[in-house]
Structures are given as C-alpha cells and as structure tokens.
C-alpha atoms as a PDB file:
ATOM      1  CA  MET A   1     112.275 118.821  93.356  1.00  0.00           C
ATOM      2  CA  LYS A   2     109.995 116.547  91.345  1.00  0.00           C
ATOM      3  CA  THR A   3     106.565 117.920  90.562  1.00  0.00           C
ATOM      4  CA  LYS A   4     103.418 116.547  92.177  1.00  0.00           C
ATOM      5  CA  GLU A   5     102.518 115.116  88.764  1.00  0.00           C
ATOM      6  CA  GLU A   6     105.828 113.244  88.477  1.00  0.00           C
ATOM      7  CA  ILE A   7     105.460 111.902  92.003  1.00  0.00           C
ATOM      8  CA  GLY A   8     101.846 110.930  91.295  1.00  0.00           C
ATOM      9  CA  GLU A   9     102.883 109.058  88.154  1.00  0.00           C
ATOM     10  CA  LYS A  10     105.547 107.163  90.098  1.00  0.00           C
ATOM     11  CA  ILE A  11     102.982 106.278  92.786  1.00  0.00           C
ATOM     12  CA  GLU A  12     100.641 104.938  90.090  1.00  0.00           C
ATOM     13  CA  VAL A  13     103.414 102.764  88.621  1.00  0.00           C
ATOM     14  CA  LEU A  14     104.307 101.431  92.060  1.00  0.00           C
ATOM     15  CA  ASN A  15     100.666 100.790  92.962  1.00  0.00           C
ATOM     16  CA  ASP A  16     100.193  98.864  89.706  1.00  0.00           C
ATOM     17  CA  LYS A  17     103.262  96.772  90.544  1.00  0.00           C
ATOM     18  CA  ILE A  18     101.948  96.213  94.076  1.00  0.00           C
ATOM     19  CA  ALA A  19      98.522  95.166  92.786  1.00  0.00           C
ATOM     20  CA  GLY A  20     100.095  92.726  90.339  1.00  0.00           C
ATOM     21  CA  LEU A  21     102.227  91.167  93.042  1.00  0.00           C
ATOM     22  CA  ARG A  22      99.314  91.003  95.474  1.00  0.00           C
ATOM     23  CA  ALA A  23      97.275  89.133  92.858  1.00  0.00           C
ATOM     24  CA  GLU A  24      99.951  86.422  92.840  1.00  0.00           C
ATOM     25  CA  GLU A  25     100.668  86.578  96.580  1.00  0.00           C
ATOM     26  CA  GLU A  26     100.225  82.838  97.164  1.00  0.00           C
ATOM     27  CA  ASP A  27     102.971  81.995  94.677  1.00  0.00           C
ATOM     28  CA  LEU A  28     105.456  84.758  95.485  1.00  0.00           C
ATOM     29  CA  THR A  29     109.094  83.838  95.887  1.00  0.00           C
ATOM     30  CA  ASN A  30     111.054  85.460  98.685  1.00  0.00           C
ATOM     31  CA  GLU A  31     112.625  87.768  96.117  1.00  0.00           C
ATOM     32  CA  LEU A  32     109.205  88.953  94.920  1.00  0.00           C
ATOM     33  CA  LYS A  33     108.075  89.440  98.532  1.00  0.00           C
ATOM     34  CA  VAL A  34     111.058  91.735  99.039  1.00  0.00           C
ATOM     35  CA  ILE A  35     110.145  93.656  95.873  1.00  0.00           C
ATOM     36  CA  LEU A  36     106.561  93.952  97.130  1.00  0.00           C
ATOM     37  CA  ALA A  37     107.663  95.273 100.520  1.00  0.00           C
ATOM     38  CA  GLY A  38     110.079  97.737  98.921  1.00  0.00           C
ATOM     39  CA  SER A  39     107.448  98.957  96.468  1.00  0.00           C
ATOM     40  CA  GLU A  40     104.942  99.472  99.268  1.00  0.00           C
ATOM     41  CA  LEU A  41     107.473 101.449 101.289  1.00  0.00           C
ATOM     42  CA  GLN A  42     108.364 103.605  98.269  1.00  0.00           C
ATOM     43  CA  SER A  43     104.689 104.301  97.606  1.00  0.00           C
ATOM     44  CA  ILE A  44     104.140 105.343 101.222  1.00  0.00           C
ATOM     45  CA  MET A  45     107.195 107.605 101.183  1.00  0.00           C
ATOM     46  CA  LEU A  46     106.167 109.217  97.903  1.00  0.00           C
ATOM     47  CA  THR A  47     102.619 109.766  99.110  1.00  0.00           C
ATOM     48  CA  SER A  48     103.920 111.520 102.212  1.00  0.00           C
ATOM     49  CA  THR A  49     106.013 113.883 100.081  1.00  0.00           C
ATOM     50  CA  LEU A  50     102.940 115.037  98.148  1.00  0.00           C
ATOM     51  CA  VAL A  51     101.780 117.068 101.149  1.00  0.00           C
ATOM     52  CA  SER A  52     105.249 118.161 102.284  1.00  0.00           C
ATOM     53  CA  SER A  53     107.225 121.249 101.426  1.00  0.00           C
ATOM     54  CA  GLU A  54     110.716 120.948  99.991  1.00  0.00           C
ATOM     55  CA  SER A  55     112.200 121.967 103.338  1.00  0.00           C
ATOM     56  CA  GLN A  56     110.217 119.230 105.093  1.00  0.00           C
ATOM     57  CA  VAL A  57     111.461 116.675 102.562  1.00  0.00           C
ATOM     58  CA  ARG A  58     115.033 117.907 103.063  1.00  0.00           C
ATOM     59  CA  ASP A  59     114.571 117.532 106.825  1.00  0.00           C
ATOM     60  CA  LEU A  60     113.473 113.936 106.227  1.00  0.00           C
ATOM     61  CA  LEU A  61     116.557 113.345 104.093  1.00  0.00           C
ATOM     62  CA  GLU A  62     118.793 114.605 106.883  1.00  0.00           C
ATOM     63  CA  LYS A  63     116.958 112.460 109.437  1.00  0.00           C
ATOM     64  CA  PHE A  64     117.354 109.292 107.370  1.00  0.00           C
ATOM     65  CA  GLU A  65     121.017 110.077 106.589  1.00  0.00           C
ATOM     66  CA  GLN A  66     121.690 110.331 110.318  1.00  0.00           C
ATOM     67  CA  ARG A  67     119.762 107.110 110.832  1.00  0.00           C
ATOM     68  CA  ALA A  68     121.942 105.415 108.205  1.00  0.00           C
ATOM     69  CA  GLU A  69     125.099 106.418 110.060  1.00  0.00           C
ATOM     70  CA  GLU A  70     123.672 105.142 113.347  1.00  0.00           C
ATOM     71  CA  LEU A  71     122.551 101.830 111.853  1.00  0.00           C
ATOM     72  CA  ASN A  72     125.878 101.261 110.100  1.00  0.00           C
ATOM     73  CA  SER A  73     127.723 101.927 113.352  1.00  0.00           C
ATOM     74  CA  ARG A  74     125.479  99.495 115.226  1.00  0.00           C
ATOM     75  CA  TYR A  75     125.997  96.891 112.482  1.00  0.00           C
ATOM     76  CA  GLU A  76     129.780  97.242 112.819  1.00  0.00           C
ATOM     77  CA  GLU A  77     129.501  96.752 116.584  1.00  0.00           C
ATOM     78  CA  ALA A  78     127.330  93.658 116.124  1.00  0.00           C
ATOM     79  CA  SER A  79     129.871  92.300 113.631  1.00  0.00           C
ATOM     80  CA  ILE A  80     132.723  92.789 116.075  1.00  0.00           C
ATOM     81  CA  GLU A  81     130.702  91.087 118.806  1.00  0.00           C
ATOM     82  CA  GLY A  82     129.700  88.264 116.458  1.00  0.00           C
ATOM     83  CA  ASP A  83     126.012  88.876 117.178  1.00  0.00           C
ATOM     84  CA  ASP A  84     124.377  87.351 114.090  1.00  0.00           C
ATOM     85  CA  ALA A  85     120.824  87.947 115.320  1.00  0.00           C
ATOM     86  CA  ALA A  86     121.496  91.672 115.776  1.00  0.00           C
ATOM     87  CA  LYS A  87     123.238  91.814 112.396  1.00  0.00           C
ATOM     88  CA  ASN A  88     120.213  90.269 110.678  1.00  0.00           C
ATOM     89  CA  GLN A  89     117.838  92.698 112.368  1.00  0.00           C
ATOM     90  CA  LEU A  90     120.068  95.659 111.591  1.00  0.00           C
ATOM     91  CA  ASN A  91     120.469  94.551 107.986  1.00  0.00           C
ATOM     92  CA  ALA A  92     116.685  94.732 107.558  1.00  0.00           C
ATOM     93  CA  MET A  93     116.611  98.179 109.185  1.00  0.00           C
ATOM     94  CA  ILE A  94     119.418  99.384 106.907  1.00  0.00           C
ATOM     95  CA  TRP A  95     117.556  98.050 103.865  1.00  0.00           C
ATOM     96  CA  THR A  96     114.352  99.930 104.703  1.00  0.00           C
ATOM     97  CA  ASN A  97     116.261 103.088 105.545  1.00  0.00           C
ATOM     98  CA  ASP A  98     118.097 102.876 102.210  1.00  0.00           C
ATOM     99  CA  ILE A  99     114.766 102.672 100.385  1.00  0.00           C
ATOM    100  CA  ARG A 100     113.602 105.785 102.214  1.00  0.00           C
ATOM    101  CA  LEU A 101     116.832 107.616 101.360  1.00  0.00           C
ATOM    102  CA  ASP A 102     116.731 106.644  97.682  1.00  0.00           C
ATOM    103  CA  THR A 103     113.080 107.672  97.416  1.00  0.00           C
ATOM    104  CA  ILE A 104     113.647 111.058  99.036  1.00  0.00           C
ATOM    105  CA  LYS A 105     116.732 111.698  96.907  1.00  0.00           C
ATOM    106  CA  TRP A 106     114.676 110.896  93.804  1.00  0.00           C
ATOM    107  CA  VAL A 107     111.988 113.380  94.901  1.00  0.00           C
ATOM    108  CA  LEU A 108     114.628 116.036  95.529  1.00  0.00           C
ATOM    109  CA  GLU A 109     116.349 115.128  92.249  1.00  0.00           C
ATOM    110  CA  GLU A 110     119.607 114.538  94.096  1.00  0.00           C
ATOM    111  CA  ASP A 111     120.049 111.081  92.639  1.00  0.00           C
ATOM    112  CA  ASP A 112     120.089 110.185  88.953  1.00  0.00           C
ATOM    113  CA  GLU A 113     119.046 106.613  89.628  1.00  0.00           C
ATOM    114  CA  GLU A 114     115.495 105.553  88.929  1.00  0.00           C
ATOM    115  CA  ILE A 115     113.627 104.246  91.948  1.00  0.00           C
END
C-alpha cells in the first residue's frame, strides 16, 4: 500500500491541476471539464484513503469491483433494449466507478499505471 506521504504528494499534484483548471473555468473545453471532474474525484478518493486502514481500502475495492459488474450488466441490458438514455447515464456511472477503481488500485499498488 502506498504511504501517506505518497498519497499526500499525489493529492497535491491533483489539487494543483484542479486549481489550474478552475482558474480557466470559463474557457474550458468539454475534454478539460472531464479532466477536472476526474481529478476532483481522484483527489476525494485519495483523501478518504488517508484515514482508512488497508483492510478498509480493500473493502472499498471489492465494493467498486462488484459495482462495475452490476453497471456493465445493466449497460448490456440497455444496449439490448436500445435504451440510449439509460446507456448514456450508465456510461457516466461506469466512468466514475472506473476512476474510483483505478485510484484504489494505485493506493494498494495493484496497478502499475499512473493515475
């Protein structure tokens, strides 16, 4: 598991990125708005892990893995039914859940990718 110092450094980097994007908020493209939202979510997730034990973080990982399975199943059903509105909503939910999963895996050092 990453140390509190490593997590704190990552939070600082994310918060700097968030502050920079917020300073330009009027001129943000949709792509930059997505980056801002993702960075904010990562920062929140990382901050919550600072006060959690490794077992609590692992419990979160399991919870979000189960959520991923549920959301993917619901997306498949919406695709079969041709429900574009549900697919769009589910796609957003899958995206945020994936950010949570990637962040937790980074904290637990179960993923070599940089968040």
